[in-house]
Amino acid sequence: MNRYSMILEWSDEDNLYLVTIPEFSDLVLMPCTQGKTRTEAIRNGEEVIEMYLESWQAEGIPSPQPHLLQLA
């Protein structure tokens, strides 16, 4: 299970949910993926995370560290 963040936002212009992965913002274009429903967008986001992690590992590129919630 990955621990990467996903931001899910509705786009009236695209009539879709857009998904971005903040930890990947320096390495990939944003948004990362989309979906017609929240469920589809989240599923697509998970697939994108896996795809990039596998690709970076195969190319010997270090993966970004997940942002973890820090409680005060």
PDB file of N, CA and C in Angstrom:
ATOM      1  N   MET A   1       0.847  -1.184   0.000  1.00  0.00           N
ATOM      2  CA  MET A   1       0.000   0.000   0.000  1.00  0.00           C
ATOM      3  C   MET A   1       0.889   1.242   0.000  1.00  0.00           C
ATOM      4  N   ASN A   2       0.604   2.158  -0.891  1.00  0.00           N
ATOM      5  CA  ASN A   2       1.387   3.391  -0.921  1.00  0.00           C
ATOM      6  C   ASN A   2       0.827   4.396   0.074  1.00  0.00           C
ATOM      7  N   ARG A   3       1.640   5.374   0.409  1.00  0.00           N
ATOM      8  CA  ARG A   3       1.227   6.399   1.376  1.00  0.00           C
ATOM      9  C   ARG A   3       1.255   7.789   0.753  1.00  0.00           C
ATOM     10  N   TYR A   4       1.125   7.854  -0.547  1.00  0.00           N
ATOM     11  CA  TYR A   4       1.169   9.143  -1.222  1.00  0.00           C
ATOM     12  C   TYR A   4      -0.181   9.848  -1.140  1.00  0.00           C
ATOM     13  N   SER A   5      -0.130  11.164  -1.149  1.00  0.00           N
ATOM     14  CA  SER A   5      -1.330  11.996  -1.079  1.00  0.00           C
ATOM     15  C   SER A   5      -1.970  12.124  -2.458  1.00  0.00           C
ATOM     16  N   MET A   6      -3.270  12.309  -2.468  1.00  0.00           N
ATOM     17  CA  MET A   6      -3.990  12.628  -3.700  1.00  0.00           C
ATOM     18  C   MET A   6      -4.912  13.796  -3.406  1.00  0.00           C
ATOM     19  N   ILE A   7      -4.932  14.753  -4.306  1.00  0.00           N
ATOM     20  CA  ILE A   7      -5.893  15.853  -4.231  1.00  0.00           C
ATOM     21  C   ILE A   7      -6.917  15.602  -5.329  1.00  0.00           C
ATOM     22  N   LEU A   8      -8.172  15.571  -4.943  1.00  0.00           N
ATOM     23  CA  LEU A   8      -9.280  15.298  -5.856  1.00  0.00           C
ATOM     24  C   LEU A   8     -10.120  16.557  -5.959  1.00  0.00           C
ATOM     25  N   GLU A   9     -10.249  17.098  -7.172  1.00  0.00           N
ATOM     26  CA  GLU A   9     -11.008  18.342  -7.375  1.00  0.00           C
ATOM     27  C   GLU A   9     -11.945  18.192  -8.563  1.00  0.00           C
ATOM     28  N   TRP A  10     -13.145  18.744  -8.417  1.00  0.00           N
ATOM     29  CA  TRP A  10     -14.102  18.745  -9.512  1.00  0.00           C
ATOM     30  C   TRP A  10     -13.777  19.880 -10.468  1.00  0.00           C
ATOM     31  N   SER A  11     -13.840  19.612 -11.772  1.00  0.00           N
ATOM     32  CA  SER A  11     -13.640  20.629 -12.795  1.00  0.00           C
ATOM     33  C   SER A  11     -14.927  20.795 -13.598  1.00  0.00           C
ATOM     34  N   ASP A  12     -15.589  21.965 -13.453  1.00  0.00           N
ATOM     35  CA  ASP A  12     -16.782  22.242 -14.270  1.00  0.00           C
ATOM     36  C   ASP A  12     -16.414  22.317 -15.742  1.00  0.00           C
ATOM     37  N   GLU A  13     -15.232  22.852 -16.031  1.00  0.00           N
ATOM     38  CA  GLU A  13     -14.788  22.991 -17.419  1.00  0.00           C
ATOM     39  C   GLU A  13     -14.648  21.642 -18.111  1.00  0.00           C
ATOM     40  N   ASP A  14     -14.065  20.674 -17.400  1.00  0.00           N
ATOM     41  CA  ASP A  14     -13.837  19.350 -17.978  1.00  0.00           C
ATOM     42  C   ASP A  14     -14.967  18.371 -17.682  1.00  0.00           C
ATOM     43  N   ASN A  15     -15.818  18.728 -16.698  1.00  0.00           N
ATOM     44  CA  ASN A  15     -16.894  17.846 -16.254  1.00  0.00           C
ATOM     45  C   ASN A  15     -16.319  16.513 -15.756  1.00  0.00           C
ATOM     46  N   LEU A  16     -15.213  16.609 -15.026  1.00  0.00           N
ATOM     47  CA  LEU A  16     -14.508  15.443 -14.497  1.00  0.00           C
ATOM     48  C   LEU A  16     -13.900  15.775 -13.143  1.00  0.00           C
ATOM     49  N   TYR A  17     -13.568  14.735 -12.390  1.00  0.00           N
ATOM     50  CA  TYR A  17     -12.737  14.888 -11.203  1.00  0.00           C
ATOM     51  C   TYR A  17     -11.282  14.815 -11.656  1.00  0.00           C
ATOM     52  N   LEU A  18     -10.486  15.782 -11.239  1.00  0.00           N
ATOM     53  CA  LEU A  18      -9.064  15.805 -11.561  1.00  0.00           C
ATOM     54  C   LEU A  18      -8.275  15.396 -10.329  1.00  0.00           C
ATOM     55  N   VAL A  19      -7.256  14.601 -10.537  1.00  0.00           N
ATOM     56  CA  VAL A  19      -6.442  14.082  -9.441  1.00  0.00           C
ATOM     57  C   VAL A  19      -5.007  14.558  -9.616  1.00  0.00           C
ATOM     58  N   THR A  20      -4.438  15.093  -8.544  1.00  0.00           N
ATOM     59  CA  THR A  20      -3.014  15.428  -8.525  1.00  0.00           C
ATOM     60  C   THR A  20      -2.375  14.709  -7.343  1.00  0.00           C
ATOM     61  N   ILE A  21      -1.096  14.400  -7.497  1.00  0.00           N
ATOM     62  CA  ILE A  21      -0.312  13.781  -6.439  1.00  0.00           C
ATOM     63  C   ILE A  21       0.755  14.796  -6.054  1.00  0.00           C
ATOM     64  N   PRO A  22       0.580  15.493  -4.929  1.00  0.00           N
ATOM     65  CA  PRO A  22       1.482  16.588  -4.569  1.00  0.00           C
ATOM     66  C   PRO A  22       2.954  16.193  -4.519  1.00  0.00           C
ATOM     67  N   GLU A  23       3.247  15.004  -4.046  1.00  0.00           N
ATOM     68  CA  GLU A  23       4.634  14.572  -3.940  1.00  0.00           C
ATOM     69  C   GLU A  23       5.311  14.432  -5.301  1.00  0.00           C
ATOM     70  N   PHE A  24       4.530  14.300  -6.358  1.00  0.00           N
ATOM     71  CA  PHE A  24       5.076  14.114  -7.699  1.00  0.00           C
ATOM     72  C   PHE A  24       5.166  15.427  -8.477  1.00  0.00           C
ATOM     73  N   SER A  25       4.778  16.547  -7.868  1.00  0.00           N
ATOM     74  CA  SER A  25       4.648  17.815  -8.595  1.00  0.00           C
ATOM     75  C   SER A  25       5.940  18.292  -9.242  1.00  0.00           C
ATOM     76  N   ASP A  26       7.085  17.955  -8.684  1.00  0.00           N
ATOM     77  CA  ASP A  26       8.357  18.367  -9.284  1.00  0.00           C
ATOM     78  C   ASP A  26       8.796  17.446 -10.408  1.00  0.00           C
ATOM     79  N   LEU A  27       8.131  16.300 -10.558  1.00  0.00           N
ATOM     80  CA  LEU A  27       8.581  15.291 -11.508  1.00  0.00           C
ATOM     81  C   LEU A  27       7.627  15.050 -12.672  1.00  0.00           C
ATOM     82  N   VAL A  28       6.346  15.384 -12.512  1.00  0.00           N
ATOM     83  CA  VAL A  28       5.358  15.120 -13.569  1.00  0.00           C
ATOM     84  C   VAL A  28       4.443  16.325 -13.748  1.00  0.00           C
ATOM     85  N   LEU A  29       3.796  16.377 -14.915  1.00  0.00           N
ATOM     86  CA  LEU A  29       2.836  17.445 -15.179  1.00  0.00           C
ATOM     87  C   LEU A  29       1.580  17.230 -14.355  1.00  0.00           C
ATOM     88  N   MET A  30       0.898  18.314 -14.051  1.00  0.00           N
ATOM     89  CA  MET A  30      -0.309  18.233 -13.254  1.00  0.00           C
ATOM     90  C   MET A  30      -1.493  18.622 -14.116  1.00  0.00           C
ATOM     91  N   PRO A  31      -2.701  18.164 -13.929  1.00  0.00           N
ATOM     92  CA  PRO A  31      -3.047  17.073 -13.035  1.00  0.00           C
ATOM     93  C   PRO A  31      -2.526  15.737 -13.557  1.00  0.00           C
ATOM     94  N   CYS A  32      -2.478  14.774 -12.698  1.00  0.00           N
ATOM     95  CA  CYS A  32      -1.915  13.480 -13.051  1.00  0.00           C
ATOM     96  C   CYS A  32      -2.910  12.569 -13.753  1.00  0.00           C
ATOM     97  N   THR A  33      -4.177  12.643 -13.360  1.00  0.00           N
ATOM     98  CA  THR A  33      -5.189  11.789 -13.979  1.00  0.00           C
ATOM     99  C   THR A  33      -6.566  12.379 -13.702  1.00  0.00           C
ATOM    100  N   GLN A  34      -7.589  11.659 -14.102  1.00  0.00           N
ATOM    101  CA  GLN A  34      -8.956  12.153 -13.979  1.00  0.00           C
ATOM    102  C   GLN A  34      -9.918  10.983 -13.906  1.00  0.00           C
ATOM    103  N   GLY A  35     -11.199  11.293 -13.658  1.00  0.00           N
ATOM    104  CA  GLY A  35     -12.240  10.276 -13.662  1.00  0.00           C
ATOM    105  C   GLY A  35     -13.606  10.916 -13.722  1.00  0.00           C
ATOM    106  N   LYS A  36     -14.560  10.164 -14.253  1.00  0.00           N
ATOM    107  CA  LYS A  36     -15.933  10.665 -14.337  1.00  0.00           C
ATOM    108  C   LYS A  36     -16.618  10.650 -12.987  1.00  0.00           C
ATOM    109  N   THR A  37     -16.193   9.746 -12.114  1.00  0.00           N
ATOM    110  CA  THR A  37     -16.724   9.662 -10.755  1.00  0.00           C
ATOM    111  C   THR A  37     -15.563   9.759  -9.767  1.00  0.00           C
ATOM    112  N   ARG A  38     -15.895  10.020  -8.498  1.00  0.00           N
ATOM    113  CA  ARG A  38     -14.849  10.076  -7.459  1.00  0.00           C
ATOM    114  C   ARG A  38     -14.126   8.732  -7.377  1.00  0.00           C
ATOM    115  N   THR A  39     -14.892   7.662  -7.417  1.00  0.00           N
ATOM    116  CA  THR A  39     -14.309   6.320  -7.316  1.00  0.00           C
ATOM    117  C   THR A  39     -13.355   6.052  -8.469  1.00  0.00           C
ATOM    118  N   GLU A  40     -13.776   6.387  -9.678  1.00  0.00           N
ATOM    119  CA  GLU A  40     -12.925   6.178 -10.847  1.00  0.00           C
ATOM    120  C   GLU A  40     -11.664   7.039 -10.759  1.00  0.00           C
ATOM    121  N   ALA A  41     -11.803   8.284 -10.326  1.00  0.00           N
ATOM    122  CA  ALA A  41     -10.649   9.178 -10.222  1.00  0.00           C
ATOM    123  C   ALA A  41      -9.642   8.653  -9.197  1.00  0.00           C
ATOM    124  N   ILE A  42     -10.130   8.190  -8.057  1.00  0.00           N
ATOM    125  CA  ILE A  42      -9.239   7.644  -7.033  1.00  0.00           C
ATOM    126  C   ILE A  42      -8.540   6.392  -7.545  1.00  0.00           C
ATOM    127  N   ARG A  43      -9.273   5.514  -8.178  1.00  0.00           N
ATOM    128  CA  ARG A  43      -8.684   4.295  -8.751  1.00  0.00           C
ATOM    129  C   ARG A  43      -7.609   4.648  -9.779  1.00  0.00           C
ATOM    130  N   ASN A  44      -7.902   5.622 -10.639  1.00  0.00           N
ATOM    131  CA  ASN A  44      -6.922   6.051 -11.633  1.00  0.00           C
ATOM    132  C   ASN A  44      -5.699   6.684 -10.966  1.00  0.00           C
ATOM    133  N   GLY A  45      -5.923   7.425  -9.889  1.00  0.00           N
ATOM    134  CA  GLY A  45      -4.812   8.012  -9.150  1.00  0.00           C
ATOM    135  C   GLY A  45      -3.894   6.945  -8.573  1.00  0.00           C
ATOM    136  N   GLU A  46      -4.473   5.899  -8.012  1.00  0.00           N
ATOM    137  CA  GLU A  46      -3.682   4.787  -7.475  1.00  0.00           C
ATOM    138  C   GLU A  46      -2.858   4.125  -8.578  1.00  0.00           C
ATOM    139  N   GLU A  47      -3.464   3.945  -9.744  1.00  0.00           N
ATOM    140  CA  GLU A  47      -2.752   3.331 -10.873  1.00  0.00           C
ATOM    141  C   GLU A  47      -1.590   4.207 -11.337  1.00  0.00           C
ATOM    142  N   VAL A  48      -1.799   5.516 -11.373  1.00  0.00           N
ATOM    143  CA  VAL A  48      -0.742   6.438 -11.784  1.00  0.00           C
ATOM    144  C   VAL A  48       0.423   6.386 -10.794  1.00  0.00           C
ATOM    145  N   ILE A  49       0.103   6.357  -9.511  1.00  0.00           N
ATOM    146  CA  ILE A  49       1.158   6.276  -8.500  1.00  0.00           C
ATOM    147  C   ILE A  49       1.991   5.014  -8.721  1.00  0.00           C
ATOM    148  N   GLU A  50       1.331   3.881  -8.870  1.00  0.00           N
ATOM    149  CA  GLU A  50       2.043   2.617  -9.092  1.00  0.00           C
ATOM    150  C   GLU A  50       2.886   2.671 -10.356  1.00  0.00           C
ATOM    151  N   MET A  51       2.324   3.230 -11.437  1.00  0.00           N
ATOM    152  CA  MET A  51       3.033   3.307 -12.714  1.00  0.00           C
ATOM    153  C   MET A  51       4.327   4.121 -12.579  1.00  0.00           C
ATOM    154  N   TYR A  52       4.211   5.296 -11.958  1.00  0.00           N
ATOM    155  CA  TYR A  52       5.402   6.134 -11.804  1.00  0.00           C
ATOM    156  C   TYR A  52       6.436   5.481 -10.890  1.00  0.00           C
ATOM    157  N   LEU A  53       6.012   4.900  -9.790  1.00  0.00           N
ATOM    158  CA  LEU A  53       6.958   4.262  -8.872  1.00  0.00           C
ATOM    159  C   LEU A  53       7.704   3.126  -9.556  1.00  0.00           C
ATOM    160  N   GLU A  54       6.990   2.301 -10.313  1.00  0.00           N
ATOM    161  CA  GLU A  54       7.633   1.209 -11.046  1.00  0.00           C
ATOM    162  C   GLU A  54       8.603   1.738 -12.093  1.00  0.00           C
ATOM    163  N   SER A  55       8.205   2.786 -12.799  1.00  0.00           N
ATOM    164  CA  SER A  55       9.055   3.373 -13.833  1.00  0.00           C
ATOM    165  C   SER A  55      10.322   3.958 -13.232  1.00  0.00           C
ATOM    166  N   TRP A  56      10.179   4.725 -12.154  1.00  0.00           N
ATOM    167  CA  TRP A  56      11.350   5.331 -11.521  1.00  0.00           C
ATOM    168  C   TRP A  56      12.280   4.269 -10.971  1.00  0.00           C
ATOM    169  N   GLN A  57      11.720   3.204 -10.403  1.00  0.00           N
ATOM    170  CA  GLN A  57      12.559   2.132  -9.879  1.00  0.00           C
ATOM    171  C   GLN A  57      13.335   1.468 -11.015  1.00  0.00           C
ATOM    172  N   ALA A  58      12.672   1.192 -12.130  1.00  0.00           N
ATOM    173  CA  ALA A  58      13.328   0.559 -13.275  1.00  0.00           C
ATOM    174  C   ALA A  58      14.443   1.435 -13.848  1.00  0.00           C
ATOM    175  N   GLU A  59      14.258   2.756 -13.778  1.00  0.00           N
ATOM    176  CA  GLU A  59      15.248   3.686 -14.320  1.00  0.00           C
ATOM    177  C   GLU A  59      16.295   4.108 -13.290  1.00  0.00           C
ATOM    178  N   GLY A  60      16.161   3.615 -12.053  1.00  0.00           N
ATOM    179  CA  GLY A  60      17.104   3.966 -11.011  1.00  0.00           C
ATOM    180  C   GLY A  60      16.931   5.373 -10.468  1.00  0.00           C
ATOM    181  N   ILE A  61      15.748   5.941 -10.658  1.00  0.00           N
ATOM    182  CA  ILE A  61      15.449   7.289 -10.161  1.00  0.00           C
ATOM    183  C   ILE A  61      14.817   7.161  -8.781  1.00  0.00           C
ATOM    184  N   PRO A  62      15.331   7.887  -7.786  1.00  0.00           N
ATOM    185  CA  PRO A  62      14.720   7.795  -6.448  1.00  0.00           C
ATOM    186  C   PRO A  62      13.286   8.323  -6.441  1.00  0.00           C
ATOM    187  N   SER A  63      12.424   7.622  -5.755  1.00  0.00           N
ATOM    188  CA  SER A  63      11.026   8.053  -5.622  1.00  0.00           C
ATOM    189  C   SER A  63      10.934   9.141  -4.567  1.00  0.00           C
ATOM    190  N   PRO A  64      10.032  10.102  -4.774  1.00  0.00           N
ATOM    191  CA  PRO A  64       9.834  11.123  -3.738  1.00  0.00           C
ATOM    192  C   PRO A  64       9.273  10.490  -2.470  1.00  0.00           C
ATOM    193  N   GLN A  65       9.569  11.086  -1.341  1.00  0.00           N
ATOM    194  CA  GLN A  65       9.051  10.612  -0.067  1.00  0.00           C
ATOM    195  C   GLN A  65       7.595  11.041   0.096  1.00  0.00           C
ATOM    196  N   PRO A  66       6.737  10.155   0.619  1.00  0.00           N
ATOM    197  CA  PRO A  66       5.343  10.538   0.873  1.00  0.00           C
ATOM    198  C   PRO A  66       5.285  11.636   1.943  1.00  0.00           C
ATOM    199  N   HIS A  67       4.309  12.549   1.791  1.00  0.00           N
ATOM    200  CA  HIS A  67       4.033  13.540   2.832  1.00  0.00           C
ATOM    201  C   HIS A  67       3.148  12.856   3.861  1.00  0.00           C
ATOM    202  N   LEU A  68       3.587  12.870   5.111  1.00  0.00           N
ATOM    203  CA  LEU A  68       2.809  12.227   6.169  1.00  0.00           C
ATOM    204  C   LEU A  68       2.251  13.282   7.102  1.00  0.00           C
ATOM    205  N   LEU A  69       1.037  13.090   7.574  1.00  0.00           N
ATOM    206  CA  LEU A  69       0.388  14.010   8.501  1.00  0.00           C
ATOM    207  C   LEU A  69       1.168  14.034   9.810  1.00  0.00           C
ATOM    208  N   GLN A  70       1.506  15.231  10.234  1.00  0.00           N
ATOM    209  CA  GLN A  70       2.222  15.414  11.503  1.00  0.00           C
ATOM    210  C   GLN A  70       1.261  16.026  12.505  1.00  0.00           C
ATOM    211  N   LEU A  71       0.920  15.276  13.518  1.00  0.00           N
ATOM    212  CA  LEU A  71       0.019  15.777  14.553  1.00  0.00           C
ATOM    213  C   LEU A  71       0.819  16.570  15.571  1.00  0.00           C
ATOM    214  N   ALA A  72       0.250  17.686  16.018  1.00  0.00           N
ATOM    215  CA  ALA A  72       0.950  18.551  16.977  1.00  0.00           C
ATOM    216  C   ALA A  72       0.942  17.954  18.364  1.00  0.00           C
TER     217      ALA A  72
END
